[in-house]
Amino acid sequence: MSDADEIESIRQLKYRYFRFLDQKRYDDLAELLIPECTFSYHSGTYTYPNRDAAIAFLKERMQKPECHSLHQGHHPEIMLLSPTSATGIWYLQD
């Protein structure tokens, strides 16, 4: 797979993450993530050590009837670091 194909795959993954989050499809969202992933929101105010803890947090916060979200990620800056790792930054509107 070319670098461009790898970068596009990462973009598609992030876009699915946003869609599953906004549609409250937590089981699908969990399948996108490895069990040992970590989450940090609001500059580290909310930090979770693994997928299960992060999904539990999202379910609790976003299941409230007054919680409506529309995550829009723009202008991704993705850098491939090795054949198995990359880093990326998106401009987020929520």
C-alpha atoms as a PDB file:
ATOM      1  CA  MET A   1       0.000   0.000   0.000  1.00  0.00           C
ATOM      2  CA  SER A   2       1.382   3.437  -0.879  1.00  0.00           C
ATOM      3  CA  ASP A   3       1.826   6.215   1.679  1.00  0.00           C
ATOM      4  CA  ALA A   4      -1.129   8.037   0.093  1.00  0.00           C
ATOM      5  CA  ASP A   5      -3.299   4.922   0.517  1.00  0.00           C
ATOM      6  CA  GLU A   6      -2.215   4.567   4.154  1.00  0.00           C
ATOM      7  CA  ILE A   7      -3.043   8.211   4.854  1.00  0.00           C
ATOM      8  CA  GLU A   8      -6.463   7.836   3.203  1.00  0.00           C
ATOM      9  CA  SER A   9      -7.157   4.765   5.351  1.00  0.00           C
ATOM     10  CA  ILE A  10      -6.386   6.819   8.470  1.00  0.00           C
ATOM     11  CA  ARG A  11      -8.719   9.593   7.275  1.00  0.00           C
ATOM     12  CA  GLN A  12     -11.523   7.094   6.698  1.00  0.00           C
ATOM     13  CA  LEU A  13     -10.991   5.625  10.171  1.00  0.00           C
ATOM     14  CA  LYS A  14     -11.239   9.051  11.794  1.00  0.00           C
ATOM     15  CA  TYR A  15     -14.363   9.930   9.807  1.00  0.00           C
ATOM     16  CA  ARG A  16     -16.009   6.658  10.894  1.00  0.00           C
ATOM     17  CA  TYR A  17     -15.058   7.494  14.496  1.00  0.00           C
ATOM     18  CA  PHE A  18     -16.855  10.856  14.241  1.00  0.00           C
ATOM     19  CA  ARG A  19     -19.916   9.299  12.595  1.00  0.00           C
ATOM     20  CA  PHE A  20     -20.232   6.443  15.108  1.00  0.00           C
ATOM     21  CA  LEU A  21     -19.783   8.875  17.990  1.00  0.00           C
ATOM     22  CA  ASP A  22     -22.464  11.265  16.744  1.00  0.00           C
ATOM     23  CA  GLN A  23     -24.856   8.414  15.956  1.00  0.00           C
ATOM     24  CA  LYS A  24     -24.204   6.953  19.415  1.00  0.00           C
ATOM     25  CA  ARG A  25     -23.134   3.633  17.879  1.00  0.00           C
ATOM     26  CA  TYR A  26     -20.860   2.695  20.769  1.00  0.00           C
ATOM     27  CA  ASP A  27     -20.385  -0.970  19.837  1.00  0.00           C
ATOM     28  CA  ASP A  28     -19.249   0.015  16.343  1.00  0.00           C
ATOM     29  CA  LEU A  29     -17.063   2.742  17.815  1.00  0.00           C
ATOM     30  CA  ALA A  30     -15.423   0.252  20.184  1.00  0.00           C
ATOM     31  CA  GLU A  31     -14.604  -2.042  17.254  1.00  0.00           C
ATOM     32  CA  LEU A  32     -12.518   0.743  15.682  1.00  0.00           C
ATOM     33  CA  LEU A  33     -10.248   0.926  18.727  1.00  0.00           C
ATOM     34  CA  ILE A  34      -7.671  -1.421  20.178  1.00  0.00           C
ATOM     35  CA  PRO A  35      -8.321  -2.418  23.820  1.00  0.00           C
ATOM     36  CA  GLU A  36      -5.185  -0.626  25.065  1.00  0.00           C
ATOM     37  CA  CYS A  37      -5.938   2.724  23.444  1.00  0.00           C
ATOM     38  CA  THR A  38      -5.996   5.771  25.691  1.00  0.00           C
ATOM     39  CA  PHE A  39      -8.293   8.811  25.548  1.00  0.00           C
ATOM     40  CA  SER A  40      -7.780  12.340  26.748  1.00  0.00           C
ATOM     41  CA  TYR A  41     -10.379  15.096  26.384  1.00  0.00           C
ATOM     42  CA  HIS A  42     -10.393  18.789  27.213  1.00  0.00           C
ATOM     43  CA  SER A  43      -6.603  19.112  27.492  1.00  0.00           C
ATOM     44  CA  GLY A  44      -6.366  16.122  29.818  1.00  0.00           C
ATOM     45  CA  THR A  45      -9.228  17.028  32.170  1.00  0.00           C
ATOM     46  CA  TYR A  46     -10.817  13.714  31.283  1.00  0.00           C
ATOM     47  CA  THR A  47      -8.320  10.891  30.741  1.00  0.00           C
ATOM     48  CA  TYR A  48      -9.100   7.203  30.303  1.00  0.00           C
ATOM     49  CA  PRO A  49      -6.554   4.354  30.303  1.00  0.00           C
ATOM     50  CA  ASN A  50      -8.266   2.002  27.839  1.00  0.00           C
ATOM     51  CA  ARG A  51     -11.062   1.487  25.319  1.00  0.00           C
ATOM     52  CA  ASP A  52     -13.620   0.180  27.820  1.00  0.00           C
ATOM     53  CA  ALA A  53     -13.194   3.156  30.141  1.00  0.00           C
ATOM     54  CA  ALA A  54     -13.415   5.613  27.241  1.00  0.00           C
ATOM     55  CA  ILE A  55     -16.541   4.017  25.781  1.00  0.00           C
ATOM     56  CA  ALA A  56     -18.174   3.988  29.241  1.00  0.00           C
ATOM     57  CA  PHE A  57     -17.416   7.710  29.604  1.00  0.00           C
ATOM     58  CA  LEU A  58     -18.849   8.490  26.166  1.00  0.00           C
ATOM     59  CA  LYS A  59     -21.999   6.475  26.823  1.00  0.00           C
ATOM     60  CA  GLU A  60     -22.589   8.213  30.135  1.00  0.00           C
ATOM     61  CA  ARG A  61     -21.986  11.732  28.794  1.00  0.00           C
ATOM     62  CA  MET A  62     -23.584  11.480  25.385  1.00  0.00           C
ATOM     63  CA  GLN A  63     -26.686   9.449  26.230  1.00  0.00           C
ATOM     64  CA  LYS A  64     -28.228  12.440  27.969  1.00  0.00           C
ATOM     65  CA  PRO A  65     -31.248  13.648  25.957  1.00  0.00           C
ATOM     66  CA  GLU A  66     -29.884  17.180  25.854  1.00  0.00           C
ATOM     67  CA  CYS A  67     -26.600  16.012  24.339  1.00  0.00           C
ATOM     68  CA  HIS A  68     -26.494  16.526  20.584  1.00  0.00           C
ATOM     69  CA  SER A  69     -23.174  16.397  18.800  1.00  0.00           C
ATOM     70  CA  LEU A  70     -21.866  16.994  15.326  1.00  0.00           C
ATOM     71  CA  HIS A  71     -18.130  16.328  15.136  1.00  0.00           C
ATOM     72  CA  GLN A  72     -16.540  17.739  12.013  1.00  0.00           C
ATOM     73  CA  GLY A  73     -12.847  17.110  11.423  1.00  0.00           C
ATOM     74  CA  HIS A  74     -11.105  19.281   8.849  1.00  0.00           C
ATOM     75  CA  HIS A  75      -7.638  19.682   7.343  1.00  0.00           C
ATOM     76  CA  PRO A  76      -5.999  16.495   8.610  1.00  0.00           C
ATOM     77  CA  GLU A  77      -2.234  16.602   9.000  1.00  0.00           C
ATOM     78  CA  ILE A  78      -1.139  12.963   9.032  1.00  0.00           C
ATOM     79  CA  MET A  79       2.459  11.813   9.246  1.00  0.00           C
ATOM     80  CA  LEU A  80       3.438   8.176   8.848  1.00  0.00           C
ATOM     81  CA  LEU A  81       6.123   7.344  11.413  1.00  0.00           C
ATOM     82  CA  SER A  82       6.730   3.680  10.573  1.00  0.00           C
ATOM     83  CA  PRO A  83       4.900   0.832   8.858  1.00  0.00           C
ATOM     84  CA  THR A  84       2.749   0.445  12.008  1.00  0.00           C
ATOM     85  CA  SER A  85       2.405   3.940  13.458  1.00  0.00           C
ATOM     86  CA  ALA A  86       1.335   7.427  12.491  1.00  0.00           C
ATOM     87  CA  THR A  87       0.398  10.699  14.103  1.00  0.00           C
ATOM     88  CA  GLY A  88      -2.314  13.099  13.068  1.00  0.00           C
ATOM     89  CA  ILE A  89      -3.981  16.383  13.901  1.00  0.00           C
ATOM     90  CA  TRP A  90      -7.446  17.476  12.774  1.00  0.00           C
ATOM     91  CA  TYR A  91      -9.109  20.844  13.148  1.00  0.00           C
ATOM     92  CA  LEU A  92     -12.286  19.946  15.061  1.00  0.00           C
ATOM     93  CA  GLN A  93     -15.623  21.682  15.091  1.00  0.00           C
ATOM     94  CA  ASP A  94     -18.057  20.197  17.620  1.00  0.00           C
END
